[in-house]
Amino acid sequence: MNDFDDIPFASSNESNISSDSSFDEIPFSEEVVPQVTNNNILFLDDRIKDIPARNAKVSFKKTSIILPVIAFVFVSILGMYLFVNHSKADTANLIRIEENRKFGYIDNEGTIVARPKYISGTEFYKGYAIVRNTNNLYGVINGKGVIEVPFGNYYYIGLFGNRYVASRITNSGLKQALLDTDLDELTGFKYDSISYSKNGMYLFTRDETMGILNKEGKEIYSFKVDEVDDKNIDIEISEVDMDLPLSERYAKVKVNDSSTIINLSTGKEIYSYTLNDINVLNNNVFYIKTDNPDENSIYIVINDNQIKLKTTNYKRVRVDDYNSDMAIAVNDDSSISYVNLLTQKVLNENKNNDYYYGNGLLLEKSHDFNRNEDVYNIISAKKTLGTFKDYKPVNNIFYNDILNVELHKNKYNFIDKEGNLLNSNAYDETTDFNDFGYAIVVLDKSYGIIDKKGKDVVKMSYNYIDFLKSDLFKKIKDTYNKELFIYANNDGYYGFINNKNKIEIESKYQDLNFISDEYPFVIAKSQDKKVLVNLSTGKELKVKLDSDDIEIRNDYFVIDNNYYNYSGKLIYKVK
């Protein structure tokens, strides 16, 4: 069986479950388009999804304004008059096709909505697509194939993140603005440049001012420079392992040679400007290298708009769980200290005890010599949450607030962070809990799945159970409101079952090949024949599969230049 996550079982101390990160897809054009920066055209390849991917940077020196040709000015001004109030688009996302190097669009049933006449065209995003006509002018069409933004209204328009950046001729020359997904202006056309940065932030330059726009078009941070200065601004946002509001997100901003740390919601400076470069780690941890190689770097941990820890006592510092108020620090002798960010005190100071960290919790193991038994305390930054002594941890680490424990020889269960057993069962095998709150359990060679309350979501009555990869599981859950697992009966054939213990797809497949972590399709082998199965509907699609070379998109897929919708209907053949 191919492409499954290997699920380790608690028959040894090596039990772990790896987690995959979630994803976010923004469709971009498959063309080379001009991005205007201070009236100079910079060609960008829109096939690169994040532009720039992580560390957005705008850099240029002040230049004189050079206006485009008279003819184009006339067309642009005319477009501004024509485009005053645009109607809202039909939210349908059409499917892009190509004939003779021209682009057009069809609907999900294969009806041509816009014939192939554009020299370029993007995929649809929330009811709109950007196209260029044979005069090389940009326009936008809606889900009915109707021109929503007339050609020439914008000198350039492109989708970056989930906002549009457009440029237009103004009395001050060529300027840019930020538009929302309805094509409404979030800012005026007043910027010399707007550049997309990751996590929904945009860098701008305007005359002698540089700064940051949020996705609502609000200037959350600005910095003025002299006319003779270079205009270099760079932002690097600290990645977090959970969905946090912008009020708890922080980033390094570097203006020319100086760096600071700001709050992404308010733009408030959390750390003063320094000529030393600030390095960015995950979960709002930053550090500054010292010039002396014998000295430790300055580590900074930020939470709630405050510096919770600023120290040179450690070689390295990291935060694995943002909500834990606990930092993991490496000492000069390579030993580990767990630092309470609320008190700055070290939590594992008792050298007679053993400490294990995971999921934002510290497991402290001590020995009661009077009773000759091990005692385990479950510790957070605020208090001791619970204690247990009758069970042995399988790997000493909490996953999703649950600890895998051995009750007695070769019998397993779980305890929560208060030290309570999840249920009264004694399983033969167990996995750790995954990111979605499920664990696989085995009793008398029958597989099942339980949730974090210890309840069965899939009864222990199957010969085999496995998880989907995390990205695919999340996609199906978020888009189709289904939580699916792989199962097999005694005959060894595979199928799919949901978290309500209902079989979605009967176990009739010899093999499964997951061709994408983002879309609900699997190539299955049935009676030695390959078939394409739509996991969202549970149906086999009547398409010919001579190979596994399938290109899948949000609403359709392509096999050998033939376009099919998600029901398997042939809707377009490339001529």
Protein backbone atom coordinates (compact mmCIF):
# COMPACT_ATOMS: atom_id res chain seq x y z
CA MET A 1 0.00 0.00 0.00
CA ASN A 2 1.47 3.34 -1.06
CA ASP A 3 1.72 6.84 0.40
CA PHE A 4 0.22 6.17 3.84
CA ASP A 5 1.63 7.71 6.97
CA ASP A 6 3.42 4.99 8.90
CA ILE A 7 1.74 4.82 12.30
CA PRO A 8 4.05 3.60 15.06
CA PHE A 9 2.42 1.52 17.78
CA ALA A 10 3.08 1.50 21.48
CA SER A 11 4.64 -1.91 21.61
CA SER A 12 7.95 -0.14 22.25
CA ASN A 13 9.21 3.20 23.47
CA GLU A 14 9.57 4.55 19.92
CA SER A 15 5.91 5.50 19.44
CA ASN A 16 5.44 8.79 17.62
CA ILE A 17 3.09 10.36 15.11
CA SER A 18 4.44 12.90 12.68
CA SER A 19 2.30 15.88 11.83
CA ASP A 20 2.05 17.59 8.47
CA SER A 21 1.51 21.28 8.17
CA SER A 22 -1.62 22.68 6.77
CA PHE A 23 -1.66 24.45 3.47
CA ASP A 24 -3.09 27.54 1.79
CA GLU A 25 -3.42 27.73 -1.98
CA ILE A 26 -3.73 30.93 -3.98
CA PRO A 27 -4.13 30.49 -7.73
CA PHE A 28 -1.82 32.59 -9.89
CA SER A 29 -1.41 33.21 -13.57
CA GLU A 30 0.84 31.01 -15.67
CA GLU A 31 2.27 34.00 -17.47
CA VAL A 32 4.96 36.61 -17.08
CA VAL A 33 3.39 39.89 -16.02
CA PRO A 34 4.79 43.35 -15.31
CA GLN A 35 4.91 44.54 -11.71
CA VAL A 36 5.45 48.29 -11.49
CA THR A 37 7.92 49.60 -8.97
CA ASN A 38 8.52 53.35 -8.89
CA ASN A 39 7.59 53.60 -12.58
CA ASN A 40 10.07 50.91 -13.58
CA ILE A 41 8.60 47.62 -14.82
CA LEU A 42 9.85 44.50 -13.06
CA PHE A 43 8.79 41.22 -14.66
CA LEU A 44 7.59 38.59 -12.22
CA ASP A 45 6.69 34.96 -12.89
CA ASP A 46 3.24 34.44 -11.33
CA ARG A 47 3.77 30.70 -11.26
CA ILE A 48 5.76 31.27 -8.09
CA LYS A 49 2.93 31.29 -5.56
CA ASP A 50 4.40 33.37 -2.76
CA ILE A 51 6.12 36.47 -4.14
CA PRO A 52 8.31 37.02 -2.25
CA ALA A 53 7.89 33.73 -0.37
CA ARG A 54 9.09 34.46 3.15
CA ASN A 55 11.21 37.56 3.39
CA ALA A 56 9.53 40.25 1.35
CA LYS A 57 11.86 43.01 0.28
CA VAL A 58 11.52 46.20 -1.71
CA SER A 59 14.70 47.94 -2.78
CA PHE A 60 15.28 50.89 -5.10
CA LYS A 61 16.83 54.32 -5.27
CA LYS A 62 14.90 57.47 -6.01
CA THR A 63 14.47 58.03 -9.75
CA SER A 64 12.70 60.48 -11.97
CA ILE A 65 9.14 59.77 -13.20
CA ILE A 66 8.87 58.49 -16.78
CA LEU A 67 5.30 58.44 -18.08
CA PRO A 68 4.10 55.75 -20.51
CA VAL A 69 3.27 56.60 -24.10
CA ILE A 70 0.49 59.06 -24.98
CA ALA A 71 -1.76 56.38 -26.45
CA PHE A 72 -1.71 54.32 -23.33
CA VAL A 73 -2.43 57.36 -21.15
CA PHE A 74 -5.53 58.03 -23.24
CA VAL A 75 -6.77 54.44 -22.87
CA SER A 76 -6.10 54.42 -19.12
CA ILE A 77 -7.91 57.71 -18.51
CA LEU A 78 -10.82 56.55 -20.63
CA GLY A 79 -10.96 53.35 -18.60
CA MET A 80 -11.16 55.32 -15.35
CA TYR A 81 -14.23 57.12 -16.57
CA LEU A 82 -15.87 53.95 -17.84
CA PHE A 83 -15.21 52.01 -14.65
CA VAL A 84 -17.05 53.87 -11.90
CA ASN A 85 -19.34 51.30 -10.32
CA HIS A 86 -18.77 47.65 -11.09
CA SER A 87 -21.38 44.99 -10.40
CA LYS A 88 -20.48 42.15 -8.08
CA ALA A 89 -19.38 39.01 -9.88
CA ASP A 90 -21.15 35.74 -10.08
CA THR A 91 -19.16 33.71 -7.54
CA ALA A 92 -18.81 30.78 -9.95
CA ASN A 93 -15.23 29.83 -10.69
CA LEU A 94 -14.86 29.06 -14.38
CA ILE A 95 -12.25 26.67 -15.73
CA ARG A 96 -9.41 28.02 -17.83
CA ILE A 97 -8.72 26.41 -21.21
CA GLU A 98 -6.12 27.08 -23.89
CA GLU A 99 -6.36 26.84 -27.66
CA ASN A 100 -3.66 28.00 -30.09
CA ARG A 101 -1.90 29.92 -27.30
CA LYS A 102 -5.09 31.81 -26.46
CA PHE A 103 -7.00 31.47 -23.20
CA GLY A 104 -10.69 31.14 -22.57
CA TYR A 105 -13.05 29.71 -19.93
CA ILE A 106 -15.68 27.01 -19.63
CA ASP A 107 -18.11 26.15 -16.85
CA ASN A 108 -18.17 22.93 -14.84
CA GLU A 109 -20.32 21.21 -17.47
CA GLY A 110 -18.04 22.12 -20.38
CA THR A 111 -20.06 25.02 -21.82
CA ILE A 112 -17.79 27.70 -23.30
CA VAL A 113 -18.43 30.90 -21.36
CA ALA A 114 -15.53 32.93 -22.76
CA ARG A 115 -14.00 31.73 -26.01
CA PRO A 116 -10.20 31.45 -26.17
CA LYS A 117 -9.25 34.96 -27.26
CA TYR A 118 -7.01 36.27 -24.47
CA ILE A 119 -3.23 36.22 -24.71
CA SER A 120 -3.10 35.38 -20.99
CA GLY A 121 -5.53 34.45 -18.26
CA THR A 122 -5.29 33.42 -14.63
CA GLU A 123 -7.18 30.68 -12.84
CA PHE A 124 -10.37 31.95 -11.20
CA TYR A 125 -10.25 33.09 -7.60
CA LYS A 126 -13.49 33.88 -5.76
CA GLY A 127 -15.39 34.66 -8.93
CA TYR A 128 -12.76 36.59 -10.91
CA ALA A 129 -9.93 36.00 -13.36
CA ILE A 130 -7.39 38.45 -14.75
CA VAL A 131 -7.00 38.45 -18.54
CA ARG A 132 -5.03 40.35 -21.17
CA ASN A 133 -6.32 41.16 -24.63
CA THR A 134 -4.40 41.28 -27.89
CA ASN A 135 -3.50 44.92 -27.19
CA ASN A 136 -1.65 43.70 -24.08
CA LEU A 137 -4.11 45.51 -21.80
CA TYR A 138 -5.30 44.06 -18.51
CA GLY A 139 -8.93 43.40 -17.60
CA VAL A 140 -10.93 41.25 -15.20
CA ILE A 141 -13.80 38.91 -16.08
CA ASN A 142 -16.42 37.52 -13.70
CA GLY A 143 -18.00 34.11 -13.31
CA LYS A 144 -20.37 34.78 -16.21
CA GLY A 145 -17.49 35.53 -18.57
CA VAL A 146 -18.46 39.22 -18.60
CA ILE A 147 -15.84 41.95 -18.42
CA GLU A 148 -15.95 43.24 -14.86
CA VAL A 149 -13.01 45.64 -15.14
CA PRO A 150 -12.63 47.19 -18.62
CA PHE A 151 -9.35 46.75 -20.46
CA GLY A 152 -7.04 49.67 -19.86
CA ASN A 153 -8.66 50.70 -16.60
CA TYR A 154 -5.50 49.45 -14.88
CA TYR A 155 -2.00 49.54 -16.26
CA TYR A 156 -1.45 46.31 -14.34
CA ILE A 157 -3.42 44.12 -11.93
CA GLY A 158 -2.29 40.93 -10.19
CA LEU A 159 -3.41 38.70 -7.34
CA PHE A 160 -1.00 38.39 -4.42
CA GLY A 161 -2.02 36.60 -1.27
CA ASN A 162 -5.78 37.15 -1.32
CA ARG A 163 -5.65 40.77 -2.44
CA TYR A 164 -5.17 42.48 -5.77
CA VAL A 165 -2.38 44.92 -6.48
CA ALA A 166 -3.25 47.32 -9.30
CA SER A 167 -1.47 50.26 -10.92
CA ARG A 168 -2.98 53.25 -12.70
CA ILE A 169 -2.00 56.59 -14.23
CA THR A 170 -2.63 59.48 -11.83
CA ASN A 171 -1.73 63.16 -11.81
CA SER A 172 1.40 62.11 -9.90
CA GLY A 173 2.37 59.46 -12.41
CA LEU A 174 1.97 55.68 -12.25
CA LYS A 175 0.75 54.65 -8.78
CA GLN A 176 -0.41 51.45 -7.12
CA ALA A 177 -3.30 50.49 -4.84
CA LEU A 178 -4.54 47.47 -2.91
CA LEU A 179 -7.95 45.98 -3.80
CA ASP A 180 -10.05 43.38 -1.98
CA THR A 181 -11.50 40.19 -3.49
CA ASP A 182 -14.56 42.18 -4.66
CA LEU A 183 -12.21 44.52 -6.55
CA ASP A 184 -13.08 47.42 -4.24
CA GLU A 185 -10.23 49.78 -3.42
CA LEU A 186 -8.77 49.30 0.04
CA THR A 187 -6.31 52.14 -0.54
CA GLY A 188 -6.09 55.02 -2.93
CA PHE A 189 -3.72 54.94 -5.91
CA LYS A 190 -0.98 56.69 -4.00
CA TYR A 191 1.85 54.17 -3.62
CA ASP A 192 5.01 53.96 -5.69
CA SER A 193 5.14 50.22 -5.01
CA ILE A 194 3.25 47.50 -3.13
CA SER A 195 4.87 44.13 -2.61
CA TYR A 196 3.29 41.04 -1.04
CA SER A 197 4.79 39.47 2.04
CA LYS A 198 3.72 36.21 3.62
CA ASN A 199 0.85 36.05 6.14
CA GLY A 200 -1.26 38.74 4.51
CA MET A 201 1.11 41.68 4.86
CA TYR A 202 2.18 44.09 2.12
CA LEU A 203 5.19 46.39 1.93
CA PHE A 204 4.77 49.81 0.42
CA THR A 205 6.80 52.84 -0.60
CA ARG A 206 5.23 56.27 -0.99
CA ASP A 207 7.47 59.25 -1.74
CA GLU A 208 9.94 59.31 1.15
CA THR A 209 7.93 56.89 3.29
CA MET A 210 8.18 53.12 3.53
CA GLY A 211 5.93 50.87 5.55
CA ILE A 212 3.57 47.93 5.96
CA LEU A 213 -0.06 47.49 4.95
CA ASN A 214 -2.32 44.83 6.41
CA LYS A 215 -4.79 42.96 4.22
CA GLU A 216 -7.46 45.57 4.99
CA GLY A 217 -5.25 48.26 3.46
CA LYS A 218 -4.41 49.91 6.78
CA GLU A 219 -0.91 51.31 7.20
CA ILE A 220 0.19 49.65 10.42
CA TYR A 221 3.78 50.83 10.24
CA SER A 222 5.68 53.55 8.42
CA PHE A 223 9.20 54.94 8.34
CA LYS A 224 10.45 58.14 6.71
CA VAL A 225 13.83 58.43 5.03
CA ASP A 226 15.76 61.33 3.55
CA GLU A 227 15.85 61.90 -0.19
CA VAL A 228 19.47 60.73 -0.39
CA ASP A 229 18.79 57.48 1.48
CA ASP A 230 18.18 54.14 -0.13
CA LYS A 231 14.66 52.83 0.29
CA ASN A 232 15.13 49.28 1.55
CA ILE A 233 12.47 47.70 3.73
CA ASP A 234 12.32 44.05 4.67
CA ILE A 235 9.83 42.15 6.85
CA GLU A 236 10.20 38.65 8.28
CA ILE A 237 7.28 37.29 10.27
CA SER A 238 7.70 34.75 13.05
CA GLU A 239 5.81 31.58 12.16
CA VAL A 240 3.48 30.15 14.80
CA ASP A 241 2.26 26.59 15.19
CA MET A 242 -1.39 27.56 15.58
CA ASP A 243 -3.96 30.03 14.34
CA LEU A 244 -3.31 33.17 16.36
CA PRO A 245 -4.89 36.59 15.85
CA LEU A 246 -2.63 39.32 14.48
CA SER A 247 -2.59 40.87 17.95
CA GLU A 248 -0.31 37.98 18.97
CA ARG A 249 1.83 37.91 15.83
CA TYR A 250 5.20 39.63 15.62
CA ALA A 251 7.77 40.35 12.93
CA LYS A 252 11.21 41.78 12.35
CA VAL A 253 11.25 44.92 10.22
CA LYS A 254 14.55 46.00 8.72
CA VAL A 255 14.83 49.49 7.26
CA ASN A 256 18.15 49.94 5.47
CA ASP A 257 20.66 48.88 8.14
CA SER A 258 18.44 49.08 11.25
CA SER A 259 16.08 46.42 12.62
CA THR A 260 13.19 46.38 15.08
CA ILE A 261 10.35 44.03 16.15
CA ILE A 262 6.72 45.07 15.73
CA ASN A 263 3.23 43.80 16.50
CA LEU A 264 1.51 42.90 13.23
CA SER A 265 -1.87 44.20 14.36
CA THR A 266 -0.94 47.62 15.69
CA GLY A 267 2.56 48.18 14.30
CA LYS A 268 3.75 48.90 17.84
CA GLU A 269 7.52 48.59 18.24
CA ILE A 270 8.23 45.91 20.84
CA TYR A 271 12.01 46.17 20.59
CA SER A 272 13.98 49.32 19.89
CA TYR A 273 15.81 49.81 16.61
CA THR A 274 19.26 48.29 16.55
CA LEU A 275 22.06 48.22 14.00
CA ASN A 276 22.58 44.55 14.88
CA ASP A 277 20.58 42.19 12.71
CA ILE A 278 17.65 40.48 14.41
CA ASN A 279 17.13 36.81 13.55
CA VAL A 280 13.63 35.31 13.52
CA LEU A 281 12.61 31.92 14.95
CA ASN A 282 9.18 30.30 15.31
CA ASN A 283 6.58 31.18 17.95
CA ASN A 284 7.74 34.77 18.44
CA VAL A 285 11.33 34.00 19.42
CA PHE A 286 14.05 36.35 18.12
CA TYR A 287 17.78 36.55 18.70
CA ILE A 288 20.69 38.92 18.06
CA LYS A 289 24.15 37.54 17.50
CA THR A 290 26.93 39.22 19.43
CA ASP A 291 30.22 40.24 17.84
CA ASN A 292 32.15 38.20 20.40
CA PRO A 293 32.12 34.50 19.35
CA ASP A 294 32.64 33.49 22.99
CA GLU A 295 29.40 35.15 24.08
CA ASN A 296 25.90 33.80 23.68
CA SER A 297 23.36 35.52 21.47
CA ILE A 298 20.69 37.73 22.99
CA TYR A 299 17.44 35.71 22.92
CA ILE A 300 14.11 37.48 23.08
CA VAL A 301 10.70 35.84 23.64
CA ILE A 302 7.61 38.01 23.07
CA ASN A 303 4.06 37.42 24.25
CA ASP A 304 1.11 39.73 24.92
CA ASN A 305 3.05 42.73 23.52
CA GLN A 306 5.75 42.25 26.12
CA ILE A 307 9.25 40.86 26.17
CA LYS A 308 8.77 37.82 28.40
CA LEU A 309 12.39 36.76 28.28
CA LYS A 310 15.57 38.56 27.28
CA THR A 311 18.68 36.58 28.09
CA THR A 312 22.27 35.72 27.18
CA ASN A 313 22.39 32.82 29.63
CA TYR A 314 21.80 30.14 27.02
CA LYS A 315 23.32 28.92 23.77
CA ARG A 316 19.88 28.48 22.22
CA VAL A 317 16.27 29.18 23.15
CA ARG A 318 13.08 28.00 21.49
CA VAL A 319 9.36 27.84 22.19
CA ASP A 320 7.62 24.70 20.95
CA ASP A 321 4.10 25.47 22.17
CA TYR A 322 3.00 29.09 22.17
CA ASN A 323 0.27 28.63 24.81
CA SER A 324 2.52 26.87 27.28
CA ASP A 325 4.39 29.93 28.67
CA MET A 326 7.44 27.70 28.68
CA ALA A 327 10.73 28.06 26.80
CA ILE A 328 13.31 25.35 26.14
CA ALA A 329 16.85 26.58 26.65
CA VAL A 330 20.19 24.90 25.92
CA ASN A 331 22.89 25.61 28.50
CA ASP A 332 26.59 26.02 27.79
CA ASP A 333 27.16 22.41 28.91
CA SER A 334 24.43 21.27 26.47
CA SER A 335 22.00 20.41 29.26
CA ILE A 336 18.39 21.58 28.94
CA SER A 337 16.56 24.12 31.10
CA TYR A 338 12.80 24.61 30.93
CA VAL A 339 12.18 28.28 31.65
CA ASN A 340 8.86 29.55 33.01
CA LEU A 341 8.13 32.67 30.95
CA LEU A 342 5.76 33.96 33.63
CA THR A 343 8.42 33.98 36.35
CA GLN A 344 11.72 33.53 34.39
CA LYS A 345 12.53 30.67 36.78
CA VAL A 346 13.87 27.28 35.71
CA LEU A 347 11.29 24.52 36.26
CA ASN A 348 13.65 21.54 36.26
CA GLU A 349 16.06 22.59 38.99
CA ASN A 350 15.73 19.41 41.05
CA LYS A 351 18.71 17.38 39.88
CA ASN A 352 17.36 14.20 41.52
CA ASN A 353 14.38 14.06 39.18
CA ASP A 354 14.00 13.39 35.47
CA TYR A 355 12.08 15.78 33.22
CA TYR A 356 10.43 15.25 29.85
CA TYR A 357 8.83 17.94 27.72
CA GLY A 358 6.10 17.71 25.09
CA ASN A 359 2.94 19.49 23.98
CA GLY A 360 3.70 22.43 26.29
CA LEU A 361 3.75 20.22 29.39
CA LEU A 362 6.59 19.04 31.59
CA LEU A 363 6.53 15.50 32.96
CA GLU A 364 8.53 15.24 36.17
CA LYS A 365 9.60 11.78 37.29
CA SER A 366 10.66 11.24 40.90
CA HIS A 367 11.14 8.10 42.97
CA ASP A 368 9.40 7.36 46.27
CA PHE A 369 12.00 5.26 48.06
CA ASN A 370 9.65 4.43 50.95
CA ARG A 371 7.15 2.81 48.57
CA ASN A 372 9.77 1.95 45.94
CA GLU A 373 7.68 3.39 43.12
CA ASP A 374 8.01 6.08 40.50
CA VAL A 375 5.81 9.16 40.77
CA TYR A 376 4.99 11.39 37.80
CA ASN A 377 3.90 15.03 38.06
CA ILE A 378 2.32 16.83 35.10
CA ILE A 379 3.49 20.45 35.22
CA SER A 380 2.44 23.56 33.32
CA ALA A 381 4.00 27.02 33.70
CA LYS A 382 1.25 27.95 36.18
CA LYS A 383 0.88 24.85 38.35
CA THR A 384 1.06 21.08 38.74
CA LEU A 385 -1.95 19.78 36.84
CA GLY A 386 -1.99 16.16 37.98
CA THR A 387 -0.07 13.19 39.35
CA PHE A 388 0.02 9.45 38.60
CA LYS A 389 2.17 6.54 39.72
CA ASP A 390 0.54 3.29 38.64
CA TYR A 391 1.36 3.52 34.94
CA LYS A 392 4.54 3.78 32.92
CA PRO A 393 4.72 6.36 30.09
CA VAL A 394 5.43 4.80 26.72
CA ASN A 395 7.59 7.67 25.49
CA ASN A 396 7.22 10.35 28.22
CA ILE A 397 5.72 12.92 25.85
CA PHE A 398 2.21 14.34 25.69
CA TYR A 399 0.61 14.54 22.24
CA ASN A 400 -2.51 16.67 21.92
CA ASP A 401 -2.74 16.83 25.74
CA ILE A 402 -2.78 13.02 25.98
CA LEU A 403 -0.02 10.71 27.24
CA ASN A 404 0.34 7.13 26.00
CA VAL A 405 0.96 4.82 28.99
CA GLU A 406 1.58 1.15 29.69
CA LEU A 407 -0.84 -0.16 32.30
CA HIS A 408 1.04 -3.38 32.79
CA LYS A 409 3.06 -5.68 30.56
CA ASN A 410 1.94 -5.23 26.93
CA LYS A 411 -1.32 -3.50 27.86
CA TYR A 412 -1.82 0.17 27.06
CA ASN A 413 -4.14 3.13 27.53
CA PHE A 414 -3.92 6.92 27.80
CA ILE A 415 -4.08 9.55 30.52
CA ASP A 416 -5.10 13.19 30.19
CA LYS A 417 -3.09 16.13 31.52
CA GLU A 418 -4.80 15.79 34.92
CA GLY A 419 -3.49 12.23 35.24
CA ASN A 420 -6.82 10.44 34.60
CA LEU A 421 -7.27 7.36 32.42
CA LEU A 422 -9.33 8.01 29.29
CA ASN A 423 -11.37 4.83 29.71
CA SER A 424 -11.28 1.42 31.39
CA ASN A 425 -9.86 -0.52 28.43
CA ALA A 426 -6.52 -2.28 28.26
CA TYR A 427 -5.39 -2.23 24.63
CA ASP A 428 -2.87 -4.52 22.99
CA GLU A 429 -1.51 -1.70 20.82
CA THR A 430 -1.98 2.07 20.65
CA THR A 431 -0.70 5.03 18.66
CA ASP A 432 -0.21 8.52 20.00
CA PHE A 433 -3.02 10.98 19.38
CA ASN A 434 -2.71 12.82 16.07
CA ASP A 435 -3.25 16.53 15.41
CA PHE A 436 -7.00 16.02 14.98
CA GLY A 437 -7.54 14.31 18.34
CA TYR A 438 -7.69 10.65 17.27
CA ALA A 439 -5.67 7.56 18.17
CA ILE A 440 -5.68 4.08 16.68
CA VAL A 441 -6.20 1.25 19.19
CA VAL A 442 -5.98 -2.54 18.84
CA LEU A 443 -7.57 -5.23 20.99
CA ASP A 444 -7.53 -8.94 20.12
CA LYS A 445 -6.19 -8.03 16.65
CA SER A 446 -9.21 -5.80 15.96
CA TYR A 447 -8.51 -2.18 15.05
CA GLY A 448 -10.51 0.90 15.98
CA ILE A 449 -10.19 4.64 16.66
CA ILE A 450 -10.93 6.62 19.83
CA ASP A 451 -11.19 10.35 20.51
CA LYS A 452 -9.63 12.37 23.33
CA LYS A 453 -12.54 11.53 25.62
CA GLY A 454 -11.78 7.83 25.26
CA LYS A 455 -14.90 7.17 23.17
CA ASP A 456 -14.96 4.89 20.14
CA VAL A 457 -15.43 6.77 16.87
CA VAL A 458 -14.62 3.66 14.83
CA LYS A 459 -15.51 0.39 16.53
CA MET A 460 -12.75 -2.16 17.09
CA SER A 461 -13.97 -4.57 14.46
CA TYR A 462 -11.55 -4.14 11.55
CA ASN A 463 -8.45 -5.96 10.44
CA TYR A 464 -6.58 -2.72 9.78
CA ILE A 465 -6.98 1.03 10.34
CA ASP A 466 -4.77 3.88 9.13
CA PHE A 467 -4.90 7.68 9.03
CA LEU A 468 -4.92 9.78 5.90
CA LYS A 469 -2.07 12.22 5.58
CA SER A 470 -2.76 15.31 7.64
CA ASP A 471 -3.11 17.77 4.74
CA LEU A 472 -5.59 15.58 2.89
CA PHE A 473 -7.57 14.80 6.06
CA LYS A 474 -7.85 18.52 6.83
CA LYS A 475 -8.83 19.41 3.26
CA ILE A 476 -11.66 16.86 3.21
CA LYS A 477 -12.77 17.87 6.70
CA ASP A 478 -12.81 21.61 5.96
CA THR A 479 -14.27 21.42 2.45
CA TYR A 480 -16.67 18.48 2.62
CA ASN A 481 -17.28 18.16 6.39
CA LYS A 482 -16.03 14.59 6.39
CA GLU A 483 -13.41 12.89 8.55
CA LEU A 484 -12.18 9.78 6.78
CA PHE A 485 -9.93 6.87 7.78
CA ILE A 486 -8.60 3.90 5.83
CA TYR A 487 -9.80 0.49 6.94
CA ALA A 488 -9.47 -3.12 5.81
CA ASN A 489 -11.36 -6.32 6.57
CA ASN A 490 -10.00 -9.85 6.82
CA ASP A 491 -9.70 -10.15 3.05
CA GLY A 492 -7.04 -7.39 3.08
CA TYR A 493 -8.96 -5.05 0.79
CA TYR A 494 -9.09 -1.37 1.61
CA GLY A 495 -11.95 1.09 1.97
CA PHE A 496 -12.85 4.27 3.84
CA ILE A 497 -14.84 4.83 7.01
CA ASN A 498 -15.82 8.06 8.75
CA ASN A 499 -15.69 9.22 12.37
CA LYS A 500 -19.34 8.20 12.87
CA ASN A 501 -18.37 4.56 12.28
CA LYS A 502 -20.14 4.67 8.92
CA ILE A 503 -18.51 3.06 5.90
CA GLU A 504 -18.17 5.65 3.14
CA ILE A 505 -16.44 3.39 0.60
CA GLU A 506 -16.59 -0.40 0.81
CA SER A 507 -13.33 -2.31 1.26
CA LYS A 508 -12.80 -3.60 -2.27
CA TYR A 509 -9.45 -2.15 -3.32
CA GLN A 510 -6.19 -4.07 -3.48
CA ASP A 511 -4.05 -0.97 -3.33
CA LEU A 512 -4.37 2.79 -2.82
CA ASN A 513 -2.18 5.50 -4.31
CA PHE A 514 -2.79 9.01 -3.03
CA ILE A 515 -1.82 11.34 -5.87
CA SER A 516 -2.32 14.61 -3.97
CA ASP A 517 -2.30 15.83 -0.38
CA GLU A 518 -4.68 18.65 -1.32
CA TYR A 519 -7.48 17.14 -3.37
CA PRO A 520 -9.92 14.30 -2.56
CA PHE A 521 -8.80 11.73 -5.12
CA VAL A 522 -7.07 8.39 -4.89
CA ILE A 523 -6.02 5.92 -7.59
CA ALA A 524 -7.23 2.54 -6.40
CA LYS A 525 -6.66 -0.92 -7.82
CA SER A 526 -9.77 -3.06 -8.15
CA GLN A 527 -9.54 -6.51 -9.74
CA ASP A 528 -6.10 -5.53 -11.06
CA LYS A 529 -7.59 -2.49 -12.79
CA LYS A 530 -6.82 1.12 -11.88
CA VAL A 531 -9.78 3.32 -11.02
CA LEU A 532 -10.04 6.94 -9.88
CA VAL A 533 -12.09 7.41 -6.70
CA ASN A 534 -13.52 10.73 -5.49
CA LEU A 535 -13.29 10.57 -1.68
CA SER A 536 -15.73 13.46 -1.25
CA THR A 537 -18.54 11.50 -2.96
CA GLY A 538 -17.31 7.94 -2.49
CA LYS A 539 -17.76 7.22 -6.20
CA GLU A 540 -15.53 5.67 -8.81
CA LEU A 541 -15.15 7.94 -11.84
CA LYS A 542 -15.53 6.54 -15.33
CA VAL A 543 -12.27 7.83 -16.73
CA LYS A 544 -9.52 5.95 -18.50
CA LEU A 545 -6.32 5.64 -16.47
CA ASP A 546 -3.34 4.63 -18.57
CA SER A 547 -0.97 6.27 -16.09
CA ASP A 548 -0.91 8.03 -12.74
CA ASP A 549 -0.12 11.35 -14.45
CA ILE A 550 -3.11 13.44 -13.36
CA GLU A 551 -3.21 17.20 -12.85
CA ILE A 552 -5.82 18.08 -10.23
CA ARG A 553 -7.25 21.55 -9.60
CA ASN A 554 -9.95 22.96 -7.32
CA ASP A 555 -12.90 22.11 -9.60
CA TYR A 556 -11.52 19.81 -12.26
CA PHE A 557 -8.70 17.52 -13.26
CA VAL A 558 -6.77 16.85 -16.47
CA ILE A 559 -5.70 13.48 -17.88
CA ASP A 560 -3.88 13.35 -21.23
CA ASN A 561 -5.09 16.87 -22.15
CA ASN A 562 -8.69 15.91 -21.39
CA TYR A 563 -10.55 18.02 -18.82
CA TYR A 564 -13.00 16.35 -16.42
CA ASN A 565 -15.15 17.74 -13.65
CA TYR A 566 -15.20 16.13 -10.21
CA SER A 567 -18.06 13.86 -11.31
CA GLY A 568 -15.84 12.38 -14.01
CA LYS A 569 -17.63 14.04 -16.93
CA LEU A 570 -15.42 14.94 -19.91
CA ILE A 571 -15.91 18.68 -20.32
CA TYR A 572 -13.12 19.69 -22.68
CA LYS A 573 -10.54 18.16 -25.02
CA VAL A 574 -7.46 20.14 -25.95
CA LYS A 575 -7.40 20.52 -29.72
